[in-house]
Amino acid sequence: MKTDDMLYSGGNGTGLSFYLKYAEDSTAENPRVVAKGICSLIV
């Protein structure tokens, strides 16, 4: 689910979902991004 602070939220249709958002200490001069993903594929 995308929130206001996220740059991108999505998945690829195979059970992998991920999101990108700015880190708390990110600035215009030093942008930092946090990337997290979850794989819900059951093997």
C-alpha atoms as a PDB file:
ATOM      1  CA  MET A   1       0.000   0.000   0.000  1.00  0.00           C
ATOM      2  CA  LYS A   2       1.488   3.325  -1.066  1.00  0.00           C
ATOM      3  CA  THR A   3       1.693   6.141   1.479  1.00  0.00           C
ATOM      4  CA  ASP A   4       2.480   9.838   1.033  1.00  0.00           C
ATOM      5  CA  ASP A   5       6.189   9.404   1.840  1.00  0.00           C
ATOM      6  CA  MET A   6       6.754   6.559  -0.642  1.00  0.00           C
ATOM      7  CA  LEU A   7       8.364   7.020  -4.024  1.00  0.00           C
ATOM      8  CA  TYR A   8       7.147   3.687  -5.356  1.00  0.00           C
ATOM      9  CA  SER A   9       5.161   0.688  -4.168  1.00  0.00           C
ATOM     10  CA  GLY A  10       4.468  -2.357  -6.292  1.00  0.00           C
ATOM     11  CA  GLY A  11       5.342  -5.882  -7.237  1.00  0.00           C
ATOM     12  CA  ASN A  12       6.017  -8.133 -10.168  1.00  0.00           C
ATOM     13  CA  GLY A  13       3.118 -10.584  -9.960  1.00  0.00           C
ATOM     14  CA  THR A  14       5.186 -13.500  -8.663  1.00  0.00           C
ATOM     15  CA  GLY A  15       4.774 -12.900  -4.923  1.00  0.00           C
ATOM     16  CA  LEU A  16       7.483 -10.243  -4.644  1.00  0.00           C
ATOM     17  CA  SER A  17       6.389  -6.840  -3.411  1.00  0.00           C
ATOM     18  CA  PHE A  18       8.601  -3.886  -2.631  1.00  0.00           C
ATOM     19  CA  TYR A  19       8.615  -0.197  -1.858  1.00  0.00           C
ATOM     20  CA  LEU A  20      10.985   2.760  -2.028  1.00  0.00           C
ATOM     21  CA  LYS A  21      10.769   5.771   0.234  1.00  0.00           C
ATOM     22  CA  TYR A  22      12.983   8.610   1.383  1.00  0.00           C
ATOM     23  CA  ALA A  23      14.973   7.931   4.560  1.00  0.00           C
ATOM     24  CA  GLU A  24      14.175  10.057   7.597  1.00  0.00           C
ATOM     25  CA  ASP A  25      17.519  11.894   7.344  1.00  0.00           C
ATOM     26  CA  SER A  26      17.210  12.486   3.592  1.00  0.00           C
ATOM     27  CA  THR A  27      17.699  16.056   2.374  1.00  0.00           C
ATOM     28  CA  ALA A  28      17.564  17.786  -0.996  1.00  0.00           C
ATOM     29  CA  GLU A  29      21.380  18.024  -0.947  1.00  0.00           C
ATOM     30  CA  ASN A  30      21.854  14.425   0.215  1.00  0.00           C
ATOM     31  CA  PRO A  31      18.860  12.318  -0.822  1.00  0.00           C
ATOM     32  CA  ARG A  32      18.735   8.854   0.735  1.00  0.00           C
ATOM     33  CA  VAL A  33      16.279   6.125  -0.183  1.00  0.00           C
ATOM     34  CA  VAL A  34      15.180   3.058   1.772  1.00  0.00           C
ATOM     35  CA  ALA A  35      14.225  -0.016  -0.266  1.00  0.00           C
ATOM     36  CA  LYS A  36      12.363  -2.955   1.283  1.00  0.00           C
ATOM     37  CA  GLY A  37      10.884  -6.054  -0.244  1.00  0.00           C
ATOM     38  CA  ILE A  38       8.877  -9.091   0.773  1.00  0.00           C
ATOM     39  CA  CYS A  39       8.637 -12.400  -1.022  1.00  0.00           C
ATOM     40  CA  SER A  40       5.457 -14.298  -0.239  1.00  0.00           C
ATOM     41  CA  LEU A  41       6.158 -17.156  -2.625  1.00  0.00           C
ATOM     42  CA  ILE A  42       5.678 -20.549  -0.976  1.00  0.00           C
ATOM     43  CA  VAL A  43       7.966 -23.200  -2.365  1.00  0.00           C
END
